PDB file of N, CA and C in Angstrom:
ATOM      1  N   UNK A   1     294.792  56.045  74.128  1.00  0.00           N
ATOM      2  CA  UNK A   1     294.920  55.197  72.955  1.00  0.00           C
ATOM      3  C   UNK A   1     296.345  55.365  72.436  1.00  0.00           C
ATOM      4  N   UNK A   2     296.986  54.249  72.097  1.00  0.00           N
ATOM      5  CA  UNK A   2     298.346  54.431  71.630  1.00  0.00           C
ATOM      6  C   UNK A   2     298.340  54.848  70.166  1.00  0.00           C
ATOM      7  N   UNK A   3     299.457  55.325  69.696  1.00  0.00           N
ATOM      8  CA  UNK A   3     299.567  55.927  68.369  1.00  0.00           C
ATOM      9  C   UNK A   3     299.200  54.940  67.262  1.00  0.00           C
ATOM     10  N   UNK A   4     299.712  53.729  67.310  1.00  0.00           N
ATOM     11  CA  UNK A   4     299.434  52.768  66.246  1.00  0.00           C
ATOM     12  C   UNK A   4     297.934  52.495  66.156  1.00  0.00           C
ATOM     13  N   UNK A   5     297.268  52.323  67.285  1.00  0.00           N
ATOM     14  CA  UNK A   5     295.827  52.081  67.267  1.00  0.00           C
ATOM     15  C   UNK A   5     295.097  53.296  66.717  1.00  0.00           C
ATOM     16  N   UNK A   6     295.541  54.484  67.088  1.00  0.00           N
ATOM     17  CA  UNK A   6     294.922  55.705  66.575  1.00  0.00           C
ATOM     18  C   UNK A   6     295.074  55.785  65.056  1.00  0.00           C
ATOM     19  N   UNK A   7     296.264  55.489  64.559  1.00  0.00           N
ATOM     20  CA  UNK A   7     296.496  55.499  63.114  1.00  0.00           C
ATOM     21  C   UNK A   7     295.601  54.459  62.450  1.00  0.00           C
ATOM     22  N   UNK A   8     295.549  53.280  63.033  1.00  0.00           N
ATOM     23  CA  UNK A   8     294.726  52.210  62.488  1.00  0.00           C
ATOM     24  C   UNK A   8     293.267  52.625  62.396  1.00  0.00           C
ATOM     25  N   UNK A   9     292.730  53.120  63.476  1.00  0.00           N
ATOM     26  CA  UNK A   9     291.317  53.481  63.496  1.00  0.00           C
ATOM     27  C   UNK A   9     291.042  54.619  62.520  1.00  0.00           C
ATOM     28  N   UNK A  10     291.925  55.593  62.461  1.00  0.00           N
ATOM     29  CA  UNK A  10     291.732  56.721  61.555  1.00  0.00           C
ATOM     30  C   UNK A  10     291.804  56.275  60.102  1.00  0.00           C
ATOM     31  N   UNK A  11     292.803  55.487  59.758  1.00  0.00           N
ATOM     32  CA  UNK A  11     292.940  55.015  58.386  1.00  0.00           C
ATOM     33  C   UNK A  11     291.811  54.052  58.052  1.00  0.00           C
ATOM     34  N   UNK A  12     291.445  53.217  59.005  1.00  0.00           N
ATOM     35  CA  UNK A  12     290.398  52.243  58.714  1.00  0.00           C
ATOM     36  C   UNK A  12     289.083  52.923  58.397  1.00  0.00           C
ATOM     37  N   UNK A  13     288.853  54.076  58.969  1.00  0.00           N
ATOM     38  CA  UNK A  13     287.621  54.790  58.657  1.00  0.00           C
ATOM     39  C   UNK A  13     287.581  55.164  57.180  1.00  0.00           C
ATOM     40  N   UNK A  14     288.746  55.384  56.586  1.00  0.00           N
ATOM     41  CA  UNK A  14     288.813  55.723  55.168  1.00  0.00           C
ATOM     42  C   UNK A  14     288.996  54.477  54.304  1.00  0.00           C
ATOM     43  N   UNK A  15     289.720  53.500  54.817  1.00  0.00           N
ATOM     44  CA  UNK A  15     289.961  52.249  54.097  1.00  0.00           C
ATOM     45  C   UNK A  15     290.342  51.191  55.117  1.00  0.00           C
ATOM     46  N   UNK A  16     290.022  49.949  54.846  1.00  0.00           N
ATOM     47  CA  UNK A  16     290.258  48.896  55.827  1.00  0.00           C
ATOM     48  C   UNK A  16     291.717  48.485  55.948  1.00  0.00           C
ATOM     49  N   UNK A  17     292.400  49.121  56.822  1.00  0.00           N
ATOM     50  CA  UNK A  17     293.770  48.774  57.140  1.00  0.00           C
ATOM     51  C   UNK A  17     293.833  48.537  58.634  1.00  0.00           C
ATOM     52  N   UNK A  18     294.513  47.528  59.079  1.00  0.00           N
ATOM     53  CA  UNK A  18     294.577  47.208  60.494  1.00  0.00           C
ATOM     54  C   UNK A  18     296.026  47.148  60.940  1.00  0.00           C
ATOM     55  N   UNK A  19     296.202  47.471  62.214  1.00  0.00           N
ATOM     56  CA  UNK A  19     297.528  47.377  62.798  1.00  0.00           C
ATOM     57  C   UNK A  19     297.398  46.817  64.192  1.00  0.00           C
ATOM     58  N   UNK A  20     298.449  46.259  64.665  1.00  0.00           N
ATOM     59  CA  UNK A  20     298.428  45.768  66.031  1.00  0.00           C
ATOM     60  C   UNK A  20     298.463  46.956  66.976  1.00  0.00           C
ATOM     61  N   UNK A  21     297.952  46.747  68.181  1.00  0.00           N
ATOM     62  CA  UNK A  21     297.908  47.830  69.144  1.00  0.00           C
ATOM     63  C   UNK A  21     299.207  47.928  69.934  1.00  0.00           C
ATOM     64  N   UNK A  22     300.164  47.067  69.644  1.00  0.00           N
ATOM     65  CA  UNK A  22     301.425  47.130  70.355  1.00  0.00           C
ATOM     66  C   UNK A  22     302.274  48.263  69.814  1.00  0.00           C
ATOM     67  N   UNK A  23     302.925  48.967  70.710  1.00  0.00           N
ATOM     68  CA  UNK A  23     303.814  50.047  70.302  1.00  0.00           C
ATOM     69  C   UNK A  23     305.224  49.492  70.190  1.00  0.00           C
ATOM     70  N   UNK A  24     305.861  49.723  69.087  1.00  0.00           N
ATOM     71  CA  UNK A  24     307.213  49.225  68.872  1.00  0.00           C
ATOM     72  C   UNK A  24     308.217  50.357  69.070  1.00  0.00           C
ATOM     73  N   UNK A  25     309.403  49.963  69.448  1.00  0.00           N
ATOM     74  CA  UNK A  25     310.468  50.946  69.598  1.00  0.00           C
ATOM     75  C   UNK A  25     310.833  51.473  68.210  1.00  0.00           C
ATOM     76  N   UNK A  26     311.237  52.753  68.113  1.00  0.00           N
ATOM     77  CA  UNK A  26     311.594  53.312  66.819  1.00  0.00           C
ATOM     78  C   UNK A  26     312.629  52.486  66.056  1.00  0.00           C
ATOM     79  N   UNK A  27     313.547  51.846  66.750  1.00  0.00           N
ATOM     80  CA  UNK A  27     314.565  51.043  66.088  1.00  0.00           C
ATOM     81  C   UNK A  27     313.943  49.843  65.377  1.00  0.00           C
ATOM     82  N   UNK A  28     312.786  49.393  65.848  1.00  0.00           N
ATOM     83  CA  UNK A  28     312.110  48.247  65.255  1.00  0.00           C
ATOM     84  C   UNK A  28     311.050  48.666  64.245  1.00  0.00           C
ATOM     85  N   UNK A  29     310.988  49.928  63.941  1.00  0.00           N
ATOM     86  CA  UNK A  29     309.964  50.456  63.051  1.00  0.00           C
ATOM     87  C   UNK A  29     310.141  49.916  61.639  1.00  0.00           C
ATOM     88  N   UNK A  30     309.042  49.467  61.055  1.00  0.00           N
ATOM     89  CA  UNK A  30     309.078  49.005  59.670  1.00  0.00           C
ATOM     90  C   UNK A  30     309.320  50.201  58.757  1.00  0.00           C
ATOM     91  N   UNK A  31     309.956  49.964  57.616  1.00  0.00           N
ATOM     92  CA  UNK A  31     310.187  51.077  56.686  1.00  0.00           C
ATOM     93  C   UNK A  31     308.862  51.574  56.101  1.00  0.00           C
ATOM     94  N   UNK A  32     308.859  52.827  55.740  1.00  0.00           N
ATOM     95  CA  UNK A  32     307.677  53.425  55.134  1.00  0.00           C
ATOM     96  C   UNK A  32     307.403  52.728  53.811  1.00  0.00           C
ATOM     97  N   UNK A  33     306.173  52.245  53.604  1.00  0.00           N
ATOM     98  CA  UNK A  33     305.865  51.532  52.364  1.00  0.00           C
ATOM     99  C   UNK A  33     305.677  52.485  51.186  1.00  0.00           C
ATOM    100  N   UNK A  34     305.760  51.933  49.998  1.00  0.00           N
ATOM    101  CA  UNK A  34     305.455  52.705  48.793  1.00  0.00           C
ATOM    102  C   UNK A  34     304.046  52.330  48.341  1.00  0.00           C
ATOM    103  N   UNK A  35     303.484  53.145  47.470  1.00  0.00           N
ATOM    104  CA  UNK A  35     302.171  52.815  46.920  1.00  0.00           C
ATOM    105  C   UNK A  35     302.244  51.527  46.103  1.00  0.00           C
ATOM    106  N   UNK A  36     303.351  51.305  45.448  1.00  0.00           N
ATOM    107  CA  UNK A  36     303.545  50.062  44.696  1.00  0.00           C
ATOM    108  C   UNK A  36     303.518  48.841  45.605  1.00  0.00           C
ATOM    109  N   UNK A  37     304.158  48.967  46.771  1.00  0.00           N
ATOM    110  CA  UNK A  37     304.127  47.880  47.755  1.00  0.00           C
ATOM    111  C   UNK A  37     302.677  47.587  48.158  1.00  0.00           C
ATOM    112  N   UNK A  38     301.932  48.639  48.427  1.00  0.00           N
ATOM    113  CA  UNK A  38     300.540  48.485  48.847  1.00  0.00           C
ATOM    114  C   UNK A  38     299.707  47.851  47.736  1.00  0.00           C
ATOM    115  N   UNK A  39     299.926  48.271  46.508  1.00  0.00           N
ATOM    116  CA  UNK A  39     299.171  47.704  45.383  1.00  0.00           C
ATOM    117  C   UNK A  39     299.460  46.217  45.213  1.00  0.00           C
ATOM    118  N   UNK A  40     300.712  45.837  45.391  1.00  0.00           N
ATOM    119  CA  UNK A  40     301.090  44.428  45.275  1.00  0.00           C
ATOM    120  C   UNK A  40     300.397  43.606  46.365  1.00  0.00           C
ATOM    121  N   UNK A  41     300.378  44.120  47.581  1.00  0.00           N
ATOM    122  CA  UNK A  41     299.734  43.412  48.686  1.00  0.00           C
ATOM    123  C   UNK A  41     298.230  43.306  48.443  1.00  0.00           C
ATOM    124  N   UNK A  42     297.616  44.360  47.953  1.00  0.00           N
ATOM    125  CA  UNK A  42     296.181  44.335  47.660  1.00  0.00           C
ATOM    126  C   UNK A  42     295.890  43.270  46.598  1.00  0.00           C
ATOM    127  N   UNK A  43     296.728  43.163  45.583  1.00  0.00           N
ATOM    128  CA  UNK A  43     296.545  42.132  44.551  1.00  0.00           C
ATOM    129  C   UNK A  43     296.653  40.732  45.155  1.00  0.00           C
ATOM    130  N   UNK A  44     297.626  40.552  46.028  1.00  0.00           N
ATOM    131  CA  UNK A  44     297.819  39.253  46.672  1.00  0.00           C
ATOM    132  C   UNK A  44     296.601  38.873  47.504  1.00  0.00           C
ATOM    133  N   UNK A  45     296.109  39.811  48.287  1.00  0.00           N
ATOM    134  CA  UNK A  45     294.938  39.547  49.132  1.00  0.00           C
ATOM    135  C   UNK A  45     293.714  39.271  48.262  1.00  0.00           C
ATOM    136  N   UNK A  46     293.532  40.054  47.218  1.00  0.00           N
ATOM    137  CA  UNK A  46     292.374  39.899  46.325  1.00  0.00           C
ATOM    138  C   UNK A  46     292.332  38.533  45.668  1.00  0.00           C
ATOM    139  N   UNK A  47     293.491  37.982  45.363  1.00  0.00           N
ATOM    140  CA  UNK A  47     293.543  36.717  44.636  1.00  0.00           C
ATOM    141  C   UNK A  47     293.488  35.491  45.545  1.00  0.00           C
ATOM    142  N   UNK A  48     293.493  35.690  46.858  1.00  0.00           N
ATOM    143  CA  UNK A  48     293.478  34.571  47.806  1.00  0.00           C
ATOM    144  C   UNK A  48     292.227  34.680  48.680  1.00  0.00           C
ATOM    145  N   UNK A  49     291.310  33.739  48.497  1.00  0.00           N
ATOM    146  CA  UNK A  49     290.016  33.792  49.194  1.00  0.00           C
ATOM    147  C   UNK A  49     290.177  33.794  50.720  1.00  0.00           C
ATOM    148  N   UNK A  50     291.096  33.016  51.230  1.00  0.00           N
ATOM    149  CA  UNK A  50     291.314  32.937  52.676  1.00  0.00           C
ATOM    150  C   UNK A  50     291.843  34.261  53.222  1.00  0.00           C
ATOM    151  N   UNK A  51     292.794  34.845  52.511  1.00  0.00           N
ATOM    152  CA  UNK A  51     293.353  36.128  52.945  1.00  0.00           C
ATOM    153  C   UNK A  51     292.300  37.228  52.856  1.00  0.00           C
ATOM    154  N   UNK A  52     291.497  37.194  51.812  1.00  0.00           N
ATOM    155  CA  UNK A  52     290.450  38.198  51.660  1.00  0.00           C
ATOM    156  C   UNK A  52     289.428  38.087  52.786  1.00  0.00           C
ATOM    157  N   UNK A  53     289.067  36.868  53.148  1.00  0.00           N
ATOM    158  CA  UNK A  53     288.117  36.678  54.250  1.00  0.00           C
ATOM    159  C   UNK A  53     288.692  37.223  55.555  1.00  0.00           C
ATOM    160  N   UNK A  54     289.968  36.942  55.819  1.00  0.00           N
ATOM    161  CA  UNK A  54     290.614  37.457  57.033  1.00  0.00           C
ATOM    162  C   UNK A  54     290.635  38.984  57.007  1.00  0.00           C
ATOM    163  N   UNK A  55     290.905  39.537  55.840  1.00  0.00           N
ATOM    164  CA  UNK A  55     290.936  40.991  55.700  1.00  0.00           C
ATOM    165  C   UNK A  55     289.567  41.595  55.999  1.00  0.00           C
ATOM    166  N   UNK A  56     288.518  40.970  55.489  1.00  0.00           N
ATOM    167  CA  UNK A  56     287.156  41.471  55.728  1.00  0.00           C
ATOM    168  C   UNK A  56     286.792  41.377  57.210  1.00  0.00           C
ATOM    169  N   UNK A  57     287.251  40.323  57.870  1.00  0.00           N
ATOM    170  CA  UNK A  57     287.009  40.191  59.308  1.00  0.00           C
ATOM    171  C   UNK A  57     287.697  41.322  60.070  1.00  0.00           C
ATOM    172  N   UNK A  58     288.835  41.774  59.563  1.00  0.00           N
ATOM    173  CA  UNK A  58     289.533  42.897  60.193  1.00  0.00           C
ATOM    174  C   UNK A  58     288.661  44.149  60.169  1.00  0.00           C
ATOM    175  N   UNK A  59     287.912  44.316  59.105  1.00  0.00           N
ATOM    176  CA  UNK A  59     287.022  45.469  59.011  1.00  0.00           C
ATOM    177  C   UNK A  59     285.991  45.466  60.120  1.00  0.00           C
ATOM    178  N   UNK A  60     285.436  44.309  60.392  1.00  0.00           N
ATOM    179  CA  UNK A  60     284.453  44.193  61.466  1.00  0.00           C
ATOM    180  C   UNK A  60     285.104  44.483  62.819  1.00  0.00           C
ATOM    181  N   UNK A  61     286.321  43.990  62.997  1.00  0.00           N
ATOM    182  CA  UNK A  61     287.036  44.248  64.250  1.00  0.00           C
ATOM    183  C   UNK A  61     287.323  45.732  64.437  1.00  0.00           C
ATOM    184  N   UNK A  62     287.639  46.417  63.365  1.00  0.00           N
ATOM    185  CA  UNK A  62     287.938  47.850  63.466  1.00  0.00           C
ATOM    186  C   UNK A  62     286.732  48.614  63.989  1.00  0.00           C
ATOM    187  N   UNK A  63     285.545  48.274  63.487  1.00  0.00           N
ATOM    188  CA  UNK A  63     284.333  48.926  63.986  1.00  0.00           C
ATOM    189  C   UNK A  63     284.151  48.664  65.476  1.00  0.00           C
ATOM    190  N   UNK A  64     284.377  47.425  65.871  1.00  0.00           N
ATOM    191  CA  UNK A  64     284.249  47.072  67.285  1.00  0.00           C
ATOM    192  C   UNK A  64     285.290  47.793  68.138  1.00  0.00           C
ATOM    193  N   UNK A  65     286.506  47.928  67.590  1.00  0.00           N
ATOM    194  CA  UNK A  65     287.567  48.615  68.334  1.00  0.00           C
ATOM    195  C   UNK A  65     287.221  50.089  68.550  1.00  0.00           C
ATOM    196  N   UNK A  66     286.650  50.718  67.521  1.00  0.00           N
ATOM    197  CA  UNK A  66     286.285  52.130  67.662  1.00  0.00           C
ATOM    198  C   UNK A  66     285.211  52.292  68.743  1.00  0.00           C
ATOM    199  N   UNK A  67     284.236  51.400  68.765  1.00  0.00           N
ATOM    200  CA  UNK A  67     283.184  51.463  69.779  1.00  0.00           C
ATOM    201  C   UNK A  67     283.754  51.233  71.171  1.00  0.00           C
ATOM    202  N   UNK A  68     284.640  50.268  71.288  1.00  0.00           N
ATOM    203  CA  UNK A  68     285.256  49.987  72.580  1.00  0.00           C
ATOM    204  C   UNK A  68     286.097  51.167  73.051  1.00  0.00           C
ATOM    205  N   UNK A  69     286.807  51.795  72.129  1.00  0.00           N
ATOM    206  CA  UNK A  69     287.621  52.962  72.477  1.00  0.00           C
ATOM    207  C   UNK A  69     286.739  54.116  72.927  1.00  0.00           C
ATOM    208  N   UNK A  70     285.641  54.331  72.218  1.00  0.00           N
ATOM    209  CA  UNK A  70     284.710  55.402  72.606  1.00  0.00           C
ATOM    210  C   UNK A  70     284.161  55.172  74.006  1.00  0.00           C
ATOM    211  N   UNK A  71     283.964  53.903  74.368  1.00  0.00           N
ATOM    212  CA  UNK A  71     283.466  53.561  75.698  1.00  0.00           C
ATOM    213  C   UNK A  71     284.569  53.397  76.719  1.00  0.00           C
ATOM    214  N   UNK A  72     285.795  53.738  76.357  1.00  0.00           N
ATOM    215  CA  UNK A  72     286.961  53.616  77.247  1.00  0.00           C
ATOM    216  C   UNK A  72     287.102  52.205  77.817  1.00  0.00           C
ATOM    217  N   UNK A  73     286.768  51.204  77.024  1.00  0.00           N
ATOM    218  CA  UNK A  73     286.857  49.803  77.439  1.00  0.00           C
ATOM    219  C   UNK A  73     288.204  49.248  76.981  1.00  0.00           C
ATOM    220  N   UNK A  74     289.223  49.487  77.782  1.00  0.00           N
ATOM    221  CA  UNK A  74     290.575  49.103  77.384  1.00  0.00           C
ATOM    222  C   UNK A  74     290.743  47.588  77.286  1.00  0.00           C
ATOM    223  N   UNK A  75     290.032  46.834  78.117  1.00  0.00           N
ATOM    224  CA  UNK A  75     290.124  45.379  78.024  1.00  0.00           C
ATOM    225  C   UNK A  75     289.613  44.901  76.675  1.00  0.00           C
ATOM    226  N   UNK A  76     288.493  45.447  76.240  1.00  0.00           N
ATOM    227  CA  UNK A  76     287.927  45.057  74.946  1.00  0.00           C
ATOM    228  C   UNK A  76     288.854  45.485  73.811  1.00  0.00           C
ATOM    229  N   UNK A  77     289.405  46.689  73.903  1.00  0.00           N
ATOM    230  CA  UNK A  77     290.326  47.170  72.870  1.00  0.00           C
ATOM    231  C   UNK A  77     291.527  46.236  72.775  1.00  0.00           C
ATOM    232  N   UNK A  78     292.090  45.854  73.909  1.00  0.00           N
ATOM    233  CA  UNK A  78     293.251  44.965  73.914  1.00  0.00           C
ATOM    234  C   UNK A  78     292.905  43.597  73.322  1.00  0.00           C
ATOM    235  N   UNK A  79     291.750  43.058  73.686  1.00  0.00           N
ATOM    236  CA  UNK A  79     291.331  41.755  73.166  1.00  0.00           C
ATOM    237  C   UNK A  79     291.106  41.823  71.655  1.00  0.00           C
ATOM    238  N   UNK A  80     290.444  42.878  71.207  1.00  0.00           N
ATOM    239  CA  UNK A  80     290.207  43.036  69.779  1.00  0.00           C
ATOM    240  C   UNK A  80     291.502  43.258  69.016  1.00  0.00           C
ATOM    241  N   UNK A  81     292.420  43.992  69.621  1.00  0.00           N
ATOM    242  CA  UNK A  81     293.718  44.230  68.978  1.00  0.00           C
ATOM    243  C   UNK A  81     294.485  42.923  68.816  1.00  0.00           C
ATOM    244  N   UNK A  82     294.392  42.043  69.807  1.00  0.00           N
ATOM    245  CA  UNK A  82     295.053  40.742  69.709  1.00  0.00           C
ATOM    246  C   UNK A  82     294.446  39.923  68.564  1.00  0.00           C
ATOM    247  N   UNK A  83     293.132  39.958  68.431  1.00  0.00           N
ATOM    248  CA  UNK A  83     292.477  39.255  67.324  1.00  0.00           C
ATOM    249  C   UNK A  83     292.906  39.857  65.988  1.00  0.00           C
ATOM    250  N   UNK A  84     292.965  41.178  65.942  1.00  0.00           N
ATOM    251  CA  UNK A  84     293.359  41.859  64.707  1.00  0.00           C
ATOM    252  C   UNK A  84     294.790  41.501  64.330  1.00  0.00           C
ATOM    253  N   UNK A  85     295.656  41.428  65.307  1.00  0.00           N
ATOM    254  CA  UNK A  85     297.049  41.075  65.040  1.00  0.00           C
ATOM    255  C   UNK A  85     297.143  39.662  64.478  1.00  0.00           C
ATOM    256  N   UNK A  86     296.364  38.735  65.026  1.00  0.00           N
ATOM    257  CA  UNK A  86     296.365  37.357  64.529  1.00  0.00           C
ATOM    258  C   UNK A  86     295.849  37.304  63.089  1.00  0.00           C
ATOM    259  N   UNK A  87     294.806  38.057  62.798  1.00  0.00           N
ATOM    260  CA  UNK A  87     294.283  38.094  61.434  1.00  0.00           C
ATOM    261  C   UNK A  87     295.300  38.705  60.477  1.00  0.00           C
ATOM    262  N   UNK A  88     295.997  39.731  60.929  1.00  0.00           N
ATOM    263  CA  UNK A  88     297.037  40.349  60.108  1.00  0.00           C
ATOM    264  C   UNK A  88     298.126  39.356  59.758  1.00  0.00           C
ATOM    265  N   UNK A  89     298.521  38.542  60.734  1.00  0.00           N
ATOM    266  CA  UNK A  89     299.530  37.509  60.468  1.00  0.00           C
ATOM    267  C   UNK A  89     298.992  36.471  59.487  1.00  0.00           C
ATOM    268  N   UNK A  90     297.686  36.175  59.584  1.00  0.00           N
ATOM    269  CA  UNK A  90     297.076  35.217  58.657  1.00  0.00           C
ATOM    270  C   UNK A  90     297.107  35.754  57.221  1.00  0.00           C
ATOM    271  N   UNK A  91     296.930  37.046  57.086  1.00  0.00           N
ATOM    272  CA  UNK A  91     296.972  37.656  55.751  1.00  0.00           C
ATOM    273  C   UNK A  91     298.380  37.575  55.182  1.00  0.00           C
ATOM    274  N   UNK A  92     299.370  37.765  56.019  1.00  0.00           N
ATOM    275  CA  UNK A  92     300.743  37.589  55.563  1.00  0.00           C
ATOM    276  C   UNK A  92     301.705  38.655  56.040  1.00  0.00           C
ATOM    277  N   UNK A  93     302.986  38.321  56.036  1.00  0.00           N
ATOM    278  CA  UNK A  93     303.999  39.244  56.542  1.00  0.00           C
ATOM    279  C   UNK A  93     304.125  40.523  55.703  1.00  0.00           C
ATOM    280  N   UNK A  94     303.853  40.426  54.407  1.00  0.00           N
ATOM    281  CA  UNK A  94     303.936  41.618  53.567  1.00  0.00           C
ATOM    282  C   UNK A  94     302.890  42.644  54.001  1.00  0.00           C
ATOM    283  N   UNK A  95     301.706  42.151  54.302  1.00  0.00           N
ATOM    284  CA  UNK A  95     300.626  43.017  54.766  1.00  0.00           C
ATOM    285  C   UNK A  95     300.997  43.666  56.103  1.00  0.00           C
ATOM    286  N   UNK A  96     301.530  42.862  57.010  1.00  0.00           N
ATOM    287  CA  UNK A  96     301.912  43.378  58.331  1.00  0.00           C
ATOM    288  C   UNK A  96     302.974  44.464  58.177  1.00  0.00           C
ATOM    289  N   UNK A  97     303.960  44.246  57.289  1.00  0.00           N
ATOM    290  CA  UNK A  97     305.008  45.261  57.073  1.00  0.00           C
ATOM    291  C   UNK A  97     304.408  46.566  56.539  1.00  0.00           C
ATOM    292  N   UNK A  98     303.476  46.453  55.604  1.00  0.00           N
ATOM    293  CA  UNK A  98     302.827  47.660  55.056  1.00  0.00           C
ATOM    294  C   UNK A  98     302.135  48.424  56.181  1.00  0.00           C
ATOM    295  N   UNK A  99     301.334  47.710  56.960  1.00  0.00           N
ATOM    296  CA  UNK A  99     300.557  48.351  58.021  1.00  0.00           C
ATOM    297  C   UNK A  99     301.473  48.983  59.061  1.00  0.00           C
ATOM    298  N   UNK A 100     302.509  48.264  59.459  1.00  0.00           N
ATOM    299  CA  UNK A 100     303.442  48.821  60.442  1.00  0.00           C
ATOM    300  C   UNK A 100     304.155  50.046  59.883  1.00  0.00           C
ATOM    301  N   UNK A 101     304.491  50.031  58.616  1.00  0.00           N
ATOM    302  CA  UNK A 101     305.161  51.169  57.991  1.00  0.00           C
ATOM    303  C   UNK A 101     304.251  52.378  57.853  1.00  0.00           C
ATOM    304  N   UNK A 102     302.935  52.150  57.876  1.00  0.00           N
ATOM    305  CA  UNK A 102     301.995  53.268  57.750  1.00  0.00           C
ATOM    306  C   UNK A 102     302.001  54.184  58.972  1.00  0.00           C
ATOM    307  N   UNK A 103     302.690  53.768  60.039  1.00  0.00           N
ATOM    308  CA  UNK A 103     302.849  54.663  61.190  1.00  0.00           C
ATOM    309  C   UNK A 103     303.525  55.956  60.768  1.00  0.00           C
ATOM    310  N   UNK A 104     304.296  55.900  59.672  1.00  0.00           N
ATOM    311  CA  UNK A 104     305.029  57.069  59.194  1.00  0.00           C
ATOM    312  C   UNK A 104     304.233  57.917  58.209  1.00  0.00           C
ATOM    313  N   UNK A 105     302.994  57.525  57.937  1.00  0.00           N
ATOM    314  CA  UNK A 105     302.154  58.235  56.980  1.00  0.00           C
ATOM    315  C   UNK A 105     300.976  58.851  57.713  1.00  0.00           C
ATOM    316  N   UNK A 106     300.782  60.141  57.564  1.00  0.00           N
ATOM    317  CA  UNK A 106     299.630  60.804  58.183  1.00  0.00           C
ATOM    318  C   UNK A 106     298.349  60.338  57.507  1.00  0.00           C
ATOM    319  N   UNK A 107     297.395  59.819  58.275  1.00  0.00           N
ATOM    320  CA  UNK A 107     296.175  59.292  57.670  1.00  0.00           C
ATOM    321  C   UNK A 107     295.356  60.336  56.923  1.00  0.00           C
ATOM    322  N   UNK A 108     295.472  61.591  57.292  1.00  0.00           N
ATOM    323  CA  UNK A 108     294.712  62.643  56.622  1.00  0.00           C
ATOM    324  C   UNK A 108     295.542  63.402  55.584  1.00  0.00           C
ATOM    325  N   UNK A 109     296.788  62.963  55.403  1.00  0.00           N
ATOM    326  CA  UNK A 109     297.651  63.618  54.420  1.00  0.00           C
ATOM    327  C   UNK A 109     297.265  63.144  53.018  1.00  0.00           C
ATOM    328  N   UNK A 110     297.770  63.826  52.016  1.00  0.00           N
ATOM    329  CA  UNK A 110     297.528  63.419  50.630  1.00  0.00           C
ATOM    330  C   UNK A 110     298.063  61.999  50.403  1.00  0.00           C
ATOM    331  N   UNK A 111     299.220  61.725  50.953  1.00  0.00           N
ATOM    332  CA  UNK A 111     299.803  60.388  50.815  1.00  0.00           C
ATOM    333  C   UNK A 111     298.941  59.337  51.514  1.00  0.00           C
ATOM    334  N   UNK A 112     298.456  59.663  52.702  1.00  0.00           N
ATOM    335  CA  UNK A 112     297.576  58.748  53.429  1.00  0.00           C
ATOM    336  C   UNK A 112     296.306  58.453  52.660  1.00  0.00           C
ATOM    337  N   UNK A 113     295.784  59.471  51.991  1.00  0.00           N
ATOM    338  CA  UNK A 113     294.577  59.290  51.192  1.00  0.00           C
ATOM    339  C   UNK A 113     294.850  58.390  49.980  1.00  0.00           C
ATOM    340  N   UNK A 114     296.059  58.461  49.436  1.00  0.00           N
ATOM    341  CA  UNK A 114     296.418  57.586  48.310  1.00  0.00           C
ATOM    342  C   UNK A 114     296.469  56.124  48.765  1.00  0.00           C
ATOM    343  N   UNK A 115     297.041  55.900  49.955  1.00  0.00           N
ATOM    344  CA  UNK A 115     297.055  54.540  50.495  1.00  0.00           C
ATOM    345  C   UNK A 115     295.630  54.055  50.752  1.00  0.00           C
ATOM    346  N   UNK A 116     294.788  54.930  51.274  1.00  0.00           N
ATOM    347  CA  UNK A 116     293.394  54.566  51.537  1.00  0.00           C
ATOM    348  C   UNK A 116     292.700  54.163  50.235  1.00  0.00           C
ATOM    349  N   UNK A 117     292.960  54.897  49.171  1.00  0.00           N
ATOM    350  CA  UNK A 117     292.342  54.593  47.874  1.00  0.00           C
ATOM    351  C   UNK A 117     292.786  53.224  47.361  1.00  0.00           C
ATOM    352  N   UNK A 118     294.049  52.876  47.578  1.00  0.00           N
ATOM    353  CA  UNK A 118     294.553  51.568  47.150  1.00  0.00           C
ATOM    354  C   UNK A 118     293.783  50.459  47.876  1.00  0.00           C
ATOM    355  N   UNK A 119     293.565  50.640  49.179  1.00  0.00           N
ATOM    356  CA  UNK A 119     292.892  49.611  49.965  1.00  0.00           C
ATOM    357  C   UNK A 119     291.377  49.651  49.819  1.00  0.00           C
ATOM    358  N   UNK A 120     290.842  50.719  49.240  1.00  0.00           N
ATOM    359  CA  UNK A 120     289.394  50.784  49.012  1.00  0.00           C
ATOM    360  C   UNK A 120     288.911  49.660  48.107  1.00  0.00           C
ATOM    361  N   UNK A 121     289.756  49.206  47.200  1.00  0.00           N
ATOM    362  CA  UNK A 121     289.344  48.116  46.315  1.00  0.00           C
ATOM    363  C   UNK A 121     289.051  46.844  47.103  1.00  0.00           C
ATOM    364  N   UNK A 122     289.791  46.627  48.174  1.00  0.00           N
ATOM    365  CA  UNK A 122     289.516  45.470  49.028  1.00  0.00           C
ATOM    366  C   UNK A 122     288.238  45.680  49.825  1.00  0.00           C
ATOM    367  N   UNK A 123     288.045  46.905  50.280  1.00  0.00           N
ATOM    368  CA  UNK A 123     286.837  47.205  51.060  1.00  0.00           C
ATOM    369  C   UNK A 123     285.599  46.862  50.245  1.00  0.00           C
ATOM    370  N   UNK A 124     285.615  47.169  48.960  1.00  0.00           N
ATOM    371  CA  UNK A 124     284.470  46.866  48.083  1.00  0.00           C
ATOM    372  C   UNK A 124     284.230  45.363  47.982  1.00  0.00           C
ATOM    373  N   UNK A 125     285.272  44.575  48.026  1.00  0.00           N
ATOM    374  CA  UNK A 125     285.130  43.122  47.921  1.00  0.00           C
ATOM    375  C   UNK A 125     284.586  42.493  49.192  1.00  0.00           C
ATOM    376  N   UNK A 126     284.582  43.253  50.280  1.00  0.00           N
ATOM    377  CA  UNK A 126     284.088  42.737  51.562  1.00  0.00           C
ATOM    378  C   UNK A 126     282.584  42.891  51.711  1.00  0.00           C
ATOM    379  N   UNK A 127     281.946  43.563  50.783  1.00  0.00           N
ATOM    380  CA  UNK A 127     280.509  43.810  50.923  1.00  0.00           C
ATOM    381  C   UNK A 127     279.698  42.643  50.446  1.00  0.00           C
TER     382      UNK A 127
END
């Protein structure tokens, strides 16, 4: 499993955040986001029904990706990652930048938990 997918699956277990499964070169790495950036993106998604629906669909894909990874089904993981990437683009470039920048945040760190808490508000809206 590549690092971005691992980060995505780990963070998604705590809060619904998705990332593409493509690995980018360090030179192309998005900057590390701030909690304020994440809060702004969460507000934007919350206020747009279409973006919120796409975000909720990402949650379902994350569950499927974890199952596919557990079964070592790389074809399914790749297909689901492509769908997740398309949904991420539908949500918007700000969201994609946040998610890509989260590669620099440990999902189990205190900072990672703060990001998870910010996105938990969206998770509640998906129920």
